[in-house]
Amino acid sequence: MISCSGVGKRYPGGLTALDNVSCEIGAGEMVFVTGHSGAGKSTLVKLFAAIERPTSGSIVVNGQNLAALRPGALPYLRRNFGLVFQDQKLLFDRNALDNVLLPLAIVGTPRHEALRRAQAALDKVGLLDRARANPIALSGGEQQRLAIARAVVNRPAVLLADEPTANLDVDSAAGILDIFRAFHQVGVTVIIATHDPQWSGLPGARELRLARGSLAQ
């Protein structure tokens, strides 16, 4: 599903985030990208979704070389991905249901179908009873679950998450992990960048450990 060959990423000013990274992630896998702060975890996840572009090497997703894609093709590629960021990027002027409806509105899903799918997504993350609440009224864990509901409402093949539990307490973080594992169990490819050591070595999951921008052996 995702193949990286000799991938490097250098930012303006000379910062090298990734250096000669090669890896394969198969459909249906659960993969944790781990490493110290600044190891390149977030950069690698963004490269997978073509949010960032590599400065060397190649990334192939479902047989498509990302470097060869026209800019107009990127939104269609990203429909395969559900993205969960550390800061959630929720819209605080809309309630929880409207936040989840937004991706469906962008792709033109009929309203009745969109409502059904948005409510189902909220139900999967345990927030259906909070559908009319604004994000500001939700706890940190609830906000992260809302971000996950929005990420999966379009039924993506791949769920990408960047430090999804960084600002959560232990119990909330465990609940978020359970949600990711539930999606993995129904065939979704799950890729999570995290510095949380409790997530490493989970049964049925694989670890890609980065150190100073390179894959650790």
Protein backbone atom coordinates (compact mmCIF):
# COMPACT_ATOMS: atom_id res chain seq x y z
CA MET A 1 0.00 0.00 0.00
CA ILE A 2 2.74 2.50 0.98
CA SER A 3 6.34 2.13 -0.18
CA CYS A 4 9.16 4.54 0.67
CA SER A 5 12.53 4.25 -1.06
CA GLY A 6 15.50 6.36 0.02
CA VAL A 7 13.27 9.17 1.25
CA GLY A 8 14.89 12.33 2.51
CA LYS A 9 13.38 15.62 3.65
CA ARG A 10 15.37 18.81 4.10
CA TYR A 11 13.64 22.01 5.16
CA PRO A 12 14.72 25.54 4.19
CA GLY A 13 17.60 26.59 6.38
CA GLY A 14 19.28 23.20 6.17
CA LEU A 15 17.33 21.18 8.75
CA THR A 16 17.32 17.52 7.71
CA ALA A 17 14.18 15.87 9.08
CA LEU A 18 14.57 12.53 7.27
CA ASP A 19 17.58 10.86 5.68
CA ASN A 20 17.42 7.82 3.35
CA VAL A 21 14.30 6.22 4.85
CA SER A 22 13.03 3.06 3.15
CA CYS A 23 10.01 1.13 4.41
CA GLU A 24 6.92 -0.79 3.33
CA ILE A 25 3.49 -0.67 4.95
CA GLY A 26 0.95 -3.21 3.78
CA ALA A 27 -2.82 -2.88 3.57
CA GLY A 28 -4.50 -3.62 6.89
CA GLU A 29 -1.39 -3.15 9.04
CA MET A 30 -1.20 -1.21 12.29
CA VAL A 31 2.11 0.64 12.47
CA PHE A 32 3.52 2.90 15.16
CA VAL A 33 6.14 5.44 14.06
CA THR A 34 8.17 6.07 17.20
CA GLY A 35 11.27 8.00 18.23
CA HIS A 36 12.51 10.96 20.21
CA SER A 37 11.20 14.49 19.75
CA GLY A 38 12.54 15.76 16.43
CA ALA A 39 13.26 12.27 15.09
CA GLY A 40 11.13 12.91 11.98
CA LYS A 41 7.91 11.11 12.97
CA SER A 42 5.51 13.89 12.03
CA THR A 43 7.36 14.59 8.80
CA LEU A 44 7.08 10.96 7.69
CA VAL A 45 3.34 10.87 8.38
CA LYS A 46 2.83 14.10 6.41
CA LEU A 47 4.84 12.69 3.51
CA PHE A 48 2.56 9.64 3.37
CA ALA A 49 -0.46 11.92 2.83
CA ALA A 50 1.43 14.25 0.45
CA ILE A 51 1.03 17.17 2.86
CA GLU A 52 4.80 17.49 2.58
CA ARG A 53 6.95 16.49 -0.41
CA PRO A 54 10.27 14.64 -0.09
CA THR A 55 13.45 16.31 -1.30
CA SER A 56 14.89 12.95 -2.33
CA GLY A 57 13.71 9.40 -2.87
CA SER A 58 10.20 8.24 -3.75
CA ILE A 59 6.90 7.42 -2.03
CA VAL A 60 4.37 5.18 -3.76
CA VAL A 61 0.81 4.90 -2.42
CA ASN A 62 -1.48 2.30 -3.98
CA GLY A 63 0.78 2.13 -7.01
CA GLN A 64 0.89 5.91 -7.49
CA ASN A 65 4.21 7.72 -7.25
CA LEU A 66 3.37 10.85 -5.26
CA ALA A 67 6.07 12.88 -7.01
CA ALA A 68 4.36 12.28 -10.35
CA LEU A 69 0.89 13.38 -9.24
CA ARG A 70 -0.48 16.63 -10.58
CA PRO A 71 -1.55 19.11 -7.86
CA GLY A 72 -5.18 18.67 -8.94
CA ALA A 73 -4.97 14.94 -8.23
CA LEU A 74 -3.89 15.35 -4.59
CA PRO A 75 -7.39 15.91 -3.12
CA TYR A 76 -8.51 12.63 -4.67
CA LEU A 77 -5.49 10.82 -3.25
CA ARG A 78 -6.18 12.24 0.21
CA ARG A 79 -9.71 10.87 0.18
CA ASN A 80 -8.03 7.52 0.90
CA PHE A 81 -6.70 8.97 4.17
CA GLY A 82 -8.28 9.96 7.44
CA LEU A 83 -6.02 12.47 9.19
CA VAL A 84 -5.87 13.11 12.94
CA PHE A 85 -3.57 15.87 14.17
CA GLN A 86 -2.28 16.66 17.63
CA ASP A 87 -4.07 20.03 17.67
CA GLN A 88 -7.27 18.48 16.17
CA LYS A 89 -8.02 21.46 13.88
CA LEU A 90 -11.66 21.46 14.94
CA LEU A 91 -14.03 24.27 13.98
CA PHE A 92 -15.14 25.90 17.22
CA ASP A 93 -17.96 27.87 15.59
CA ARG A 94 -19.74 24.60 14.69
CA ASN A 95 -21.10 21.84 16.85
CA ALA A 96 -19.71 18.30 16.94
CA LEU A 97 -22.12 16.97 14.33
CA ASP A 98 -21.37 19.82 11.92
CA ASN A 99 -17.62 19.22 12.33
CA VAL A 100 -18.08 15.60 11.26
CA LEU A 101 -20.43 16.57 8.41
CA LEU A 102 -17.87 18.91 6.84
CA PRO A 103 -15.81 16.29 4.92
CA LEU A 104 -19.00 14.80 3.54
CA ALA A 105 -20.24 18.22 2.40
CA ILE A 106 -16.94 18.81 0.59
CA VAL A 107 -17.37 15.66 -1.51
CA GLY A 108 -21.06 16.30 -2.16
CA THR A 109 -22.64 13.50 -0.12
CA PRO A 110 -26.45 13.87 -0.07
CA ARG A 111 -27.67 15.41 3.18
CA HIS A 112 -29.68 12.43 4.45
CA GLU A 113 -26.78 10.04 3.79
CA ALA A 114 -24.30 12.49 5.32
CA LEU A 115 -26.35 12.76 8.51
CA ARG A 116 -26.59 8.97 8.81
CA ARG A 117 -22.85 8.50 8.36
CA ALA A 118 -21.88 11.40 10.65
CA GLN A 119 -24.11 10.08 13.43
CA ALA A 120 -22.66 6.59 12.95
CA ALA A 121 -19.11 7.98 13.19
CA LEU A 122 -19.95 9.86 16.39
CA ASP A 123 -21.51 6.70 17.79
CA LYS A 124 -18.34 4.68 17.05
CA VAL A 125 -16.25 7.08 19.16
CA GLY A 126 -18.85 7.37 21.93
CA LEU A 127 -19.97 10.93 21.22
CA LEU A 128 -23.44 10.54 19.73
CA ASP A 129 -25.00 12.04 22.87
CA ARG A 130 -22.71 15.09 22.43
CA ALA A 131 -23.58 15.70 18.78
CA ARG A 132 -25.03 19.17 19.42
CA ALA A 133 -22.24 20.29 21.77
CA ASN A 134 -19.65 22.79 20.60
CA PRO A 135 -16.03 21.55 20.77
CA ILE A 136 -15.20 24.13 23.44
CA ALA A 137 -17.61 22.30 25.77
CA LEU A 138 -15.82 18.96 25.26
CA SER A 139 -12.91 17.61 27.28
CA GLY A 140 -9.52 17.09 25.64
CA GLY A 141 -10.21 13.39 25.18
CA GLU A 142 -13.65 14.11 23.70
CA GLN A 143 -12.16 16.63 21.29
CA GLN A 144 -9.67 14.04 20.10
CA ARG A 145 -12.45 11.48 19.65
CA LEU A 146 -14.38 14.07 17.65
CA ALA A 147 -11.33 14.57 15.43
CA ILE A 148 -11.21 10.79 14.86
CA ALA A 149 -14.92 10.70 13.96
CA ARG A 150 -14.36 13.42 11.38
CA ALA A 151 -11.32 11.56 10.02
CA VAL A 152 -13.18 8.28 9.49
CA VAL A 153 -16.57 9.53 8.29
CA ASN A 154 -15.47 9.23 4.65
CA ARG A 155 -14.52 5.57 5.28
CA PRO A 156 -10.82 5.97 4.47
CA ALA A 157 -8.59 3.00 3.72
CA VAL A 158 -5.80 4.53 5.84
CA LEU A 159 -6.03 6.34 9.18
CA LEU A 160 -3.01 8.55 9.86
CA ALA A 161 -2.51 10.11 13.28
CA ASP A 162 0.21 12.47 14.50
CA GLU A 163 0.73 12.34 18.28
CA PRO A 164 -3.00 11.80 18.95
CA THR A 165 -2.56 11.36 22.72
CA ALA A 166 0.16 13.92 23.41
CA ASN A 167 -2.00 16.19 25.60
CA LEU A 168 -4.22 13.54 27.21
CA ASP A 169 -4.19 11.81 30.58
CA VAL A 170 -3.46 8.08 30.78
CA ASP A 171 -7.10 6.96 30.81
CA SER A 172 -8.09 9.19 27.89
CA ALA A 173 -5.06 8.06 25.91
CA ALA A 174 -5.97 4.41 26.50
CA GLY A 175 -9.49 5.10 25.23
CA ILE A 176 -8.13 6.69 22.05
CA LEU A 177 -5.87 3.69 21.49
CA ASP A 178 -8.86 1.36 21.84
CA ILE A 179 -10.66 3.31 19.10
CA PHE A 180 -7.71 3.00 16.72
CA ARG A 181 -7.45 -0.72 17.43
CA ALA A 182 -11.16 -1.16 16.70
CA PHE A 183 -10.74 0.43 13.27
CA HIS A 184 -7.69 -1.74 12.60
CA GLN A 185 -9.70 -4.85 13.45
CA VAL A 186 -12.16 -4.09 10.65
CA GLY A 187 -9.40 -3.76 8.05
CA VAL A 188 -8.37 -0.09 8.17
CA THR A 189 -4.63 0.54 7.82
CA VAL A 190 -3.63 2.54 10.91
CA ILE A 191 -0.40 4.54 11.10
CA ILE A 192 0.31 6.49 14.28
CA ALA A 193 3.26 8.75 15.02
CA THR A 194 3.83 8.76 18.78
CA HIS A 195 6.50 9.25 21.41
CA ASP A 196 4.39 7.36 23.97
CA PRO A 197 6.34 4.17 24.90
CA GLN A 198 3.21 2.33 26.07
CA TRP A 199 2.10 2.02 22.44
CA SER A 200 5.21 0.12 21.33
CA GLY A 201 5.10 -3.65 21.08
CA LEU A 202 1.32 -4.03 21.07
CA PRO A 203 0.10 -7.41 19.78
CA GLY A 204 -0.72 -7.25 16.09
CA ALA A 205 1.17 -3.98 15.56
CA ARG A 206 4.55 -3.13 14.05
CA GLU A 207 6.99 -0.40 15.02
CA LEU A 208 9.03 1.87 12.77
CA ARG A 209 11.53 3.56 15.06
CA LEU A 210 13.23 6.74 13.90
CA ALA A 211 16.43 8.19 15.33
CA ARG A 212 17.76 11.50 14.03
CA GLY A 213 15.80 11.16 10.82
CA SER A 214 16.81 7.61 9.98
CA LEU A 215 15.20 4.25 10.64
CA ALA A 216 16.81 2.61 13.67
CA GLN A 217 17.91 -0.99 13.26
